[in-house]
Amino acid sequence: MSNCDNCDCNDCSCKGKGGKFALGAILGAAAGAIAGVLLAPKSGKETRKDLKEGGKKAIKKGQEAGKKVGEQAEKLKDAAKDKIEDFKKKSEDKSEE
């Protein structure tokens, strides 16, 4: 049980669990698509074509997921910078007292 299970703050690291689910869903869909293509009664040429198309789709989805992860990382970095600045200001205010 993490420290953030019952908190209402918006900046807890445990709030970003959706990325793992999305990655799992993408990998599961890709595995299902590959299994379906390999088990389908098609010629080798058709199967290779389907695999190539499926690979391109998987790459595109991976790139989109990577972009989302990068955007979230940027948001976390900005939030961390804000927290550090707040802490610095509070510590400077306390030292002046």
N, C-alpha and C. Protein backbone atom coordinates (compact mmCIF):
# COMPACT_ATOMS: atom_id res chain seq x y z
N MET A 1 0.85 -1.18 0.00
CA MET A 1 0.00 0.00 0.00
C MET A 1 0.89 1.24 0.00
N SER A 2 0.71 2.11 -0.96
CA SER A 2 1.57 3.29 -1.04
C SER A 2 1.02 4.41 -0.17
N ASN A 3 1.84 5.44 0.01
CA ASN A 3 1.44 6.59 0.83
C ASN A 3 0.34 7.40 0.17
N CYS A 4 0.15 7.23 -1.11
CA CYS A 4 -0.79 8.05 -1.86
C CYS A 4 -2.15 7.38 -2.06
N ASP A 5 -2.37 6.21 -1.46
CA ASP A 5 -3.62 5.50 -1.70
C ASP A 5 -4.85 6.31 -1.29
N ASN A 6 -4.71 7.11 -0.28
CA ASN A 6 -5.88 7.84 0.21
C ASN A 6 -5.75 9.34 0.07
N CYS A 7 -4.75 9.82 -0.63
CA CYS A 7 -4.59 11.27 -0.72
C CYS A 7 -5.40 11.83 -1.88
N ASP A 8 -5.67 13.11 -1.80
CA ASP A 8 -6.45 13.78 -2.83
C ASP A 8 -5.60 14.70 -3.69
N CYS A 9 -4.29 14.68 -3.50
CA CYS A 9 -3.44 15.59 -4.27
C CYS A 9 -3.36 15.12 -5.71
N ASN A 10 -2.99 16.01 -6.58
CA ASN A 10 -2.92 15.70 -8.01
C ASN A 10 -1.51 15.43 -8.49
N ASP A 11 -0.53 15.51 -7.59
CA ASP A 11 0.85 15.36 -8.05
C ASP A 11 1.52 14.10 -7.53
N CYS A 12 0.78 13.13 -7.07
CA CYS A 12 1.38 11.89 -6.57
C CYS A 12 1.87 11.04 -7.73
N SER A 13 2.99 10.41 -7.52
CA SER A 13 3.56 9.58 -8.58
C SER A 13 2.69 8.36 -8.86
N CYS A 14 1.89 7.96 -7.92
CA CYS A 14 1.07 6.75 -8.11
C CYS A 14 -0.15 7.02 -8.98
N LYS A 15 -0.40 8.25 -9.34
CA LYS A 15 -1.57 8.58 -10.15
C LYS A 15 -1.36 8.21 -11.62
N GLY A 16 -0.12 7.97 -12.06
CA GLY A 16 0.18 7.73 -13.47
C GLY A 16 0.18 6.27 -13.87
N LYS A 17 -0.66 5.45 -13.30
CA LYS A 17 -0.67 4.02 -13.59
C LYS A 17 -1.33 3.70 -14.92
N GLY A 18 -2.01 4.66 -15.53
CA GLY A 18 -2.69 4.42 -16.80
C GLY A 18 -1.75 4.10 -17.93
N GLY A 19 -0.52 4.60 -17.88
CA GLY A 19 0.46 4.33 -18.93
C GLY A 19 0.81 2.86 -19.02
N LYS A 20 0.92 2.19 -17.87
CA LYS A 20 1.23 0.76 -17.86
C LYS A 20 0.07 -0.03 -18.44
N PHE A 21 -1.15 0.38 -18.12
CA PHE A 21 -2.32 -0.30 -18.66
C PHE A 21 -2.38 -0.14 -20.17
N ALA A 22 -2.14 1.08 -20.64
CA ALA A 22 -2.19 1.34 -22.09
C ALA A 22 -1.12 0.53 -22.81
N LEU A 23 0.08 0.47 -22.24
CA LEU A 23 1.14 -0.31 -22.87
C LEU A 23 0.75 -1.79 -22.92
N GLY A 24 0.18 -2.30 -21.84
CA GLY A 24 -0.27 -3.68 -21.81
C GLY A 24 -1.35 -3.95 -22.84
N ALA A 25 -2.26 -3.00 -22.99
CA ALA A 25 -3.34 -3.15 -23.97
C ALA A 25 -2.78 -3.17 -25.39
N ILE A 26 -1.82 -2.30 -25.66
CA ILE A 26 -1.21 -2.25 -26.99
C ILE A 26 -0.47 -3.54 -27.29
N LEU A 27 0.32 -4.01 -26.32
CA LEU A 27 1.07 -5.25 -26.53
C LEU A 27 0.12 -6.44 -26.68
N GLY A 28 -0.95 -6.46 -25.90
CA GLY A 28 -1.93 -7.54 -26.01
C GLY A 28 -2.62 -7.55 -27.36
N ALA A 29 -2.97 -6.37 -27.83
CA ALA A 29 -3.62 -6.27 -29.14
C ALA A 29 -2.67 -6.71 -30.25
N ALA A 30 -1.41 -6.31 -30.14
CA ALA A 30 -0.42 -6.70 -31.14
C ALA A 30 -0.23 -8.22 -31.14
N ALA A 31 -0.14 -8.81 -29.95
CA ALA A 31 0.04 -10.26 -29.87
C ALA A 31 -1.18 -10.98 -30.45
N GLY A 32 -2.37 -10.48 -30.15
CA GLY A 32 -3.58 -11.08 -30.70
C GLY A 32 -3.64 -10.97 -32.21
N ALA A 33 -3.24 -9.82 -32.73
CA ALA A 33 -3.25 -9.63 -34.18
C ALA A 33 -2.26 -10.57 -34.86
N ILE A 34 -1.08 -10.69 -34.28
CA ILE A 34 -0.07 -11.59 -34.86
C ILE A 34 -0.55 -13.03 -34.83
N ALA A 35 -1.11 -13.44 -33.70
CA ALA A 35 -1.62 -14.81 -33.60
C ALA A 35 -2.73 -15.05 -34.63
N GLY A 36 -3.61 -14.09 -34.78
CA GLY A 36 -4.70 -14.22 -35.75
C GLY A 36 -4.18 -14.34 -37.17
N VAL A 37 -3.19 -13.55 -37.51
CA VAL A 37 -2.62 -13.59 -38.86
C VAL A 37 -1.92 -14.92 -39.11
N LEU A 38 -1.16 -15.37 -38.12
CA LEU A 38 -0.40 -16.61 -38.30
C LEU A 38 -1.31 -17.84 -38.36
N LEU A 39 -2.44 -17.78 -37.70
CA LEU A 39 -3.34 -18.92 -37.68
C LEU A 39 -4.40 -18.89 -38.78
N ALA A 40 -4.50 -17.78 -39.48
CA ALA A 40 -5.50 -17.66 -40.54
C ALA A 40 -5.08 -18.48 -41.76
N PRO A 41 -6.04 -19.09 -42.44
CA PRO A 41 -5.72 -19.91 -43.62
C PRO A 41 -5.51 -19.03 -44.86
N LYS A 42 -4.32 -18.44 -44.97
CA LYS A 42 -3.99 -17.59 -46.11
C LYS A 42 -2.69 -18.09 -46.73
N SER A 43 -2.44 -17.59 -47.92
CA SER A 43 -1.17 -17.93 -48.57
C SER A 43 -0.03 -17.21 -47.87
N GLY A 44 1.20 -17.67 -48.12
CA GLY A 44 2.37 -17.03 -47.51
C GLY A 44 2.50 -15.58 -47.89
N LYS A 45 2.20 -15.27 -49.14
CA LYS A 45 2.31 -13.89 -49.62
C LYS A 45 1.31 -12.99 -48.89
N GLU A 46 0.08 -13.47 -48.73
CA GLU A 46 -0.94 -12.68 -48.02
C GLU A 46 -0.58 -12.52 -46.55
N THR A 47 -0.06 -13.58 -45.95
CA THR A 47 0.32 -13.53 -44.54
C THR A 47 1.45 -12.54 -44.32
N ARG A 48 2.45 -12.56 -45.19
CA ARG A 48 3.55 -11.60 -45.07
C ARG A 48 3.06 -10.17 -45.22
N LYS A 49 2.14 -9.95 -46.14
CA LYS A 49 1.57 -8.62 -46.34
C LYS A 49 0.83 -8.17 -45.08
N ASP A 50 0.04 -9.06 -44.50
CA ASP A 50 -0.70 -8.74 -43.28
C ASP A 50 0.25 -8.45 -42.13
N LEU A 51 1.32 -9.24 -42.01
CA LEU A 51 2.30 -9.01 -40.95
C LEU A 51 2.99 -7.66 -41.12
N LYS A 52 3.31 -7.33 -42.36
CA LYS A 52 3.95 -6.04 -42.64
C LYS A 52 3.03 -4.89 -42.24
N GLU A 53 1.77 -4.98 -42.61
CA GLU A 53 0.80 -3.93 -42.26
C GLU A 53 0.61 -3.86 -40.75
N GLY A 54 0.53 -5.02 -40.12
CA GLY A 54 0.38 -5.06 -38.66
C GLY A 54 1.58 -4.46 -37.96
N GLY A 55 2.76 -4.73 -38.48
CA GLY A 55 3.98 -4.16 -37.91
C GLY A 55 4.00 -2.64 -38.02
N LYS A 56 3.56 -2.14 -39.16
CA LYS A 56 3.51 -0.68 -39.34
C LYS A 56 2.53 -0.05 -38.35
N LYS A 57 1.38 -0.71 -38.15
CA LYS A 57 0.39 -0.19 -37.19
C LYS A 57 0.95 -0.22 -35.78
N ALA A 58 1.65 -1.30 -35.44
CA ALA A 58 2.22 -1.43 -34.10
C ALA A 58 3.28 -0.35 -33.86
N ILE A 59 4.08 -0.09 -34.87
CA ILE A 59 5.10 0.95 -34.74
C ILE A 59 4.44 2.31 -34.53
N LYS A 60 3.39 2.59 -35.29
CA LYS A 60 2.69 3.87 -35.15
C LYS A 60 2.09 4.01 -33.76
N LYS A 61 1.46 2.94 -33.27
CA LYS A 61 0.88 2.99 -31.92
C LYS A 61 1.98 3.15 -30.87
N GLY A 62 3.10 2.50 -31.07
CA GLY A 62 4.22 2.64 -30.14
C GLY A 62 4.76 4.06 -30.11
N GLN A 63 4.83 4.66 -31.29
CA GLN A 63 5.30 6.05 -31.36
C GLN A 63 4.32 6.99 -30.65
N GLU A 64 3.03 6.74 -30.84
CA GLU A 64 2.02 7.57 -30.18
C GLU A 64 2.11 7.41 -28.66
N ALA A 65 2.28 6.17 -28.21
CA ALA A 65 2.41 5.92 -26.77
C ALA A 65 3.67 6.59 -26.22
N GLY A 66 4.77 6.52 -26.98
CA GLY A 66 6.01 7.17 -26.56
C GLY A 66 5.84 8.67 -26.45
N LYS A 67 5.10 9.24 -27.37
CA LYS A 67 4.85 10.69 -27.34
C LYS A 67 4.07 11.06 -26.08
N LYS A 68 3.06 10.24 -25.75
CA LYS A 68 2.27 10.52 -24.55
C LYS A 68 3.12 10.40 -23.30
N VAL A 69 3.98 9.40 -23.26
CA VAL A 69 4.86 9.23 -22.11
C VAL A 69 5.79 10.44 -21.99
N GLY A 70 6.31 10.90 -23.11
CA GLY A 70 7.18 12.08 -23.11
C GLY A 70 6.46 13.32 -22.60
N GLU A 71 5.20 13.48 -23.01
CA GLU A 71 4.43 14.63 -22.56
C GLU A 71 4.19 14.56 -21.05
N GLN A 72 3.88 13.37 -20.55
CA GLN A 72 3.66 13.21 -19.11
C GLN A 72 4.96 13.44 -18.34
N ALA A 73 6.07 12.98 -18.89
CA ALA A 73 7.36 13.20 -18.24
C ALA A 73 7.66 14.69 -18.16
N GLU A 74 7.35 15.41 -19.21
CA GLU A 74 7.56 16.86 -19.22
C GLU A 74 6.71 17.54 -18.14
N LYS A 75 5.46 17.10 -18.00
CA LYS A 75 4.57 17.66 -16.97
C LYS A 75 5.13 17.38 -15.58
N LEU A 76 5.62 16.16 -15.37
CA LEU A 76 6.19 15.81 -14.07
C LEU A 76 7.44 16.62 -13.78
N LYS A 77 8.26 16.84 -14.82
CA LYS A 77 9.46 17.64 -14.65
C LYS A 77 9.10 19.07 -14.25
N ASP A 78 8.10 19.63 -14.92
CA ASP A 78 7.67 21.00 -14.60
C ASP A 78 7.10 21.07 -13.18
N ALA A 79 6.34 20.07 -12.78
CA ALA A 79 5.78 20.04 -11.43
C ALA A 79 6.89 19.94 -10.39
N ALA A 80 7.91 19.14 -10.68
CA ALA A 80 9.04 19.00 -9.77
C ALA A 80 9.79 20.32 -9.63
N LYS A 81 9.99 21.01 -10.76
CA LYS A 81 10.67 22.31 -10.72
C LYS A 81 9.87 23.29 -9.85
N ASP A 82 8.55 23.30 -10.02
CA ASP A 82 7.70 24.19 -9.22
C ASP A 82 7.83 23.88 -7.74
N LYS A 83 7.83 22.59 -7.39
CA LYS A 83 7.95 22.19 -5.99
C LYS A 83 9.30 22.61 -5.42
N ILE A 84 10.35 22.46 -6.21
CA ILE A 84 11.69 22.86 -5.75
C ILE A 84 11.74 24.36 -5.52
N GLU A 85 11.18 25.12 -6.45
CA GLU A 85 11.16 26.58 -6.29
C GLU A 85 10.37 26.99 -5.04
N ASP A 86 9.23 26.34 -4.82
CA ASP A 86 8.43 26.62 -3.62
C ASP A 86 9.23 26.31 -2.36
N PHE A 87 9.92 25.18 -2.37
CA PHE A 87 10.71 24.78 -1.21
C PHE A 87 11.84 25.77 -0.96
N LYS A 88 12.51 26.19 -2.05
CA LYS A 88 13.59 27.17 -1.91
C LYS A 88 13.07 28.46 -1.30
N LYS A 89 11.94 28.91 -1.81
CA LYS A 89 11.38 30.17 -1.31
C LYS A 89 11.00 30.05 0.16
N LYS A 90 10.37 28.95 0.53
CA LYS A 90 9.98 28.76 1.92
C LYS A 90 11.20 28.67 2.82
N SER A 91 12.26 28.00 2.37
CA SER A 91 13.46 27.86 3.19
C SER A 91 14.17 29.21 3.32
N GLU A 92 14.15 30.01 2.24
CA GLU A 92 14.75 31.34 2.32
C GLU A 92 13.96 32.23 3.27
N ASP A 93 12.63 32.14 3.22
CA ASP A 93 11.78 32.92 4.12
C ASP A 93 12.05 32.54 5.57
N LYS A 94 12.21 31.25 5.83
CA LYS A 94 12.47 30.78 7.20
C LYS A 94 13.83 31.23 7.67
N SER A 95 14.82 31.24 6.79
CA SER A 95 16.17 31.61 7.20
C SER A 95 16.26 33.11 7.47
N GLU A 96 15.38 33.90 6.88
CA GLU A 96 15.39 35.35 7.10
C GLU A 96 14.74 35.72 8.43
N GLU A 97 13.96 34.82 8.99
CA GLU A 97 13.26 35.12 10.25
C GLU A 97 14.16 35.14 11.42
